[in-house]
């Protein structure tokens, strides 16, 4: 799973949790919330905080979003250099 897919999944989870949170707040505002609803509210808020933290970490990540084809191309190129005995570029990798 690449960085873009992870961000998309986290944003979707955040969207779902915010909707759930708004529904629970609606119960409280209507005066129909019970202890179970309050417990669900606390759990949902914890989940949302966790998702927000994960999203911030992914967005601030310095990991490049390279496609698998690019990674494989570099590996094949270094493998060819090793086989040909011209692996000077490999020193930069190490």
C-alpha atoms as a PDB file:
ATOM      1  CA  UNK A   1       0.000   0.000   0.000  1.00  0.00           C
ATOM      2  CA  UNK A   2       1.543   3.335  -0.994  1.00  0.00           C
ATOM      3  CA  UNK A   3       1.403   6.633   0.888  1.00  0.00           C
ATOM      4  CA  UNK A   4      -1.438   7.989  -1.252  1.00  0.00           C
ATOM      5  CA  UNK A   5      -3.599   4.944  -0.546  1.00  0.00           C
ATOM      6  CA  UNK A   6      -2.843   5.166   3.163  1.00  0.00           C
ATOM      7  CA  UNK A   7      -3.818   8.856   3.226  1.00  0.00           C
ATOM      8  CA  UNK A   8      -7.034   8.105   1.341  1.00  0.00           C
ATOM      9  CA  UNK A   9      -7.947   5.277   3.723  1.00  0.00           C
ATOM     10  CA  UNK A  10      -7.236   7.421   6.775  1.00  0.00           C
ATOM     11  CA  UNK A  11      -9.297  10.309   5.396  1.00  0.00           C
ATOM     12  CA  UNK A  12     -12.205   7.915   4.749  1.00  0.00           C
ATOM     13  CA  UNK A  13     -11.985   6.545   8.290  1.00  0.00           C
ATOM     14  CA  UNK A  14     -11.849  10.095   9.636  1.00  0.00           C
ATOM     15  CA  UNK A  15     -14.951  11.018   7.614  1.00  0.00           C
ATOM     16  CA  UNK A  16     -16.880   8.011   8.945  1.00  0.00           C
ATOM     17  CA  UNK A  17     -15.871   8.740  12.529  1.00  0.00           C
ATOM     18  CA  UNK A  18     -16.830  12.418  12.256  1.00  0.00           C
ATOM     19  CA  UNK A  19     -20.271  11.403  10.965  1.00  0.00           C
ATOM     20  CA  UNK A  20     -20.643   8.938  13.851  1.00  0.00           C
ATOM     21  CA  UNK A  21     -19.540  11.643  16.275  1.00  0.00           C
ATOM     22  CA  UNK A  22     -22.076  14.114  14.893  1.00  0.00           C
ATOM     23  CA  UNK A  23     -24.842  11.519  15.246  1.00  0.00           C
ATOM     24  CA  UNK A  24     -23.874  10.884  18.864  1.00  0.00           C
ATOM     25  CA  UNK A  25     -23.782  14.616  19.575  1.00  0.00           C
ATOM     26  CA  UNK A  26     -27.287  14.770  18.096  1.00  0.00           C
ATOM     27  CA  UNK A  27     -28.509  12.251  20.688  1.00  0.00           C
ATOM     28  CA  UNK A  28     -26.994  14.344  23.453  1.00  0.00           C
ATOM     29  CA  UNK A  29     -28.524  17.558  22.126  1.00  0.00           C
ATOM     30  CA  UNK A  30     -31.935  15.871  21.843  1.00  0.00           C
ATOM     31  CA  UNK A  31     -31.657  14.605  25.395  1.00  0.00           C
ATOM     32  CA  UNK A  32     -32.075  10.975  24.298  1.00  0.00           C
ATOM     33  CA  UNK A  33     -28.508   9.834  25.013  1.00  0.00           C
ATOM     34  CA  UNK A  34     -27.952   7.155  27.611  1.00  0.00           C
ATOM     35  CA  UNK A  35     -24.784   5.832  29.260  1.00  0.00           C
ATOM     36  CA  UNK A  36     -24.115   3.517  26.317  1.00  0.00           C
ATOM     37  CA  UNK A  37     -24.238   6.483  23.905  1.00  0.00           C
ATOM     38  CA  UNK A  38     -21.857   8.468  26.110  1.00  0.00           C
ATOM     39  CA  UNK A  39     -19.480   5.499  26.172  1.00  0.00           C
ATOM     40  CA  UNK A  40     -19.659   5.237  22.377  1.00  0.00           C
ATOM     41  CA  UNK A  41     -18.969   8.978  22.180  1.00  0.00           C
ATOM     42  CA  UNK A  42     -15.799   8.616  24.260  1.00  0.00           C
ATOM     43  CA  UNK A  43     -14.622   5.616  22.206  1.00  0.00           C
ATOM     44  CA  UNK A  44     -15.343   7.399  18.928  1.00  0.00           C
ATOM     45  CA  UNK A  45     -13.407  10.457  20.078  1.00  0.00           C
ATOM     46  CA  UNK A  46     -10.420   8.241  20.970  1.00  0.00           C
ATOM     47  CA  UNK A  47     -10.573   6.564  17.548  1.00  0.00           C
ATOM     48  CA  UNK A  48     -10.794   9.934  15.809  1.00  0.00           C
ATOM     49  CA  UNK A  49      -7.793  11.223  17.756  1.00  0.00           C
ATOM     50  CA  UNK A  50      -5.842   8.100  16.798  1.00  0.00           C
ATOM     51  CA  UNK A  51      -6.747   8.493  13.115  1.00  0.00           C
ATOM     52  CA  UNK A  52      -5.869  12.197  13.195  1.00  0.00           C
ATOM     53  CA  UNK A  53      -2.484  11.399  14.743  1.00  0.00           C
ATOM     54  CA  UNK A  54      -1.780   8.701  12.150  1.00  0.00           C
ATOM     55  CA  UNK A  55      -2.824  11.045   9.355  1.00  0.00           C
ATOM     56  CA  UNK A  56      -0.505  13.772  10.639  1.00  0.00           C
ATOM     57  CA  UNK A  57       2.372  11.283  10.797  1.00  0.00           C
ATOM     58  CA  UNK A  58       1.745  10.114   7.233  1.00  0.00           C
ATOM     59  CA  UNK A  59       1.428  13.653   5.908  1.00  0.00           C
ATOM     60  CA  UNK A  60       4.662  14.708   7.643  1.00  0.00           C
ATOM     61  CA  UNK A  61       6.484  11.575   6.557  1.00  0.00           C
ATOM     62  CA  UNK A  62       9.658  11.951   4.539  1.00  0.00           C
ATOM     63  CA  UNK A  63       9.123   8.611   2.836  1.00  0.00           C
ATOM     64  CA  UNK A  64       8.836   9.188  -0.911  1.00  0.00           C
ATOM     65  CA  UNK A  65       5.812   7.803  -2.691  1.00  0.00           C
ATOM     66  CA  UNK A  66       7.579   5.694  -5.307  1.00  0.00           C
ATOM     67  CA  UNK A  67       5.660   3.345  -7.540  1.00  0.00           C
ATOM     68  CA  UNK A  68       6.652  -0.305  -7.435  1.00  0.00           C
ATOM     69  CA  UNK A  69       7.795  -0.142 -11.065  1.00  0.00           C
ATOM     70  CA  UNK A  70      10.381   2.551 -10.229  1.00  0.00           C
ATOM     71  CA  UNK A  71      11.725   0.572  -7.295  1.00  0.00           C
ATOM     72  CA  UNK A  72      11.964  -2.566  -9.412  1.00  0.00           C
ATOM     73  CA  UNK A  73      13.748  -0.619 -12.168  1.00  0.00           C
ATOM     74  CA  UNK A  74      16.449   0.520  -9.713  1.00  0.00           C
ATOM     75  CA  UNK A  75      16.852  -2.971  -8.300  1.00  0.00           C
ATOM     76  CA  UNK A  76      17.226  -4.438 -11.787  1.00  0.00           C
ATOM     77  CA  UNK A  77      19.747  -1.748 -12.725  1.00  0.00           C
ATOM     78  CA  UNK A  78      21.862  -2.453  -9.628  1.00  0.00           C
ATOM     79  CA  UNK A  79      21.607  -6.177 -10.221  1.00  0.00           C
ATOM     80  CA  UNK A  80      22.897  -5.652 -13.773  1.00  0.00           C
ATOM     81  CA  UNK A  81      25.757  -3.485 -12.420  1.00  0.00           C
ATOM     82  CA  UNK A  82      26.679  -6.212  -9.945  1.00  0.00           C
ATOM     83  CA  UNK A  83      26.599  -8.878 -12.646  1.00  0.00           C
ATOM     84  CA  UNK A  84      28.737  -6.719 -14.954  1.00  0.00           C
ATOM     85  CA  UNK A  85      31.173  -5.801 -12.172  1.00  0.00           C
ATOM     86  CA  UNK A  86      30.385  -2.085 -12.560  1.00  0.00           C
ATOM     87  CA  UNK A  87      28.684  -1.518  -9.234  1.00  0.00           C
ATOM     88  CA  UNK A  88      30.258   1.881  -8.497  1.00  0.00           C
ATOM     89  CA  UNK A  89      26.787   3.401  -8.197  1.00  0.00           C
ATOM     90  CA  UNK A  90      25.996   0.878  -5.488  1.00  0.00           C
ATOM     91  CA  UNK A  91      28.387   2.680  -3.122  1.00  0.00           C
ATOM     92  CA  UNK A  92      26.028   5.651  -3.099  1.00  0.00           C
ATOM     93  CA  UNK A  93      23.174   3.377  -2.109  1.00  0.00           C
ATOM     94  CA  UNK A  94      25.108   1.897   0.815  1.00  0.00           C
END
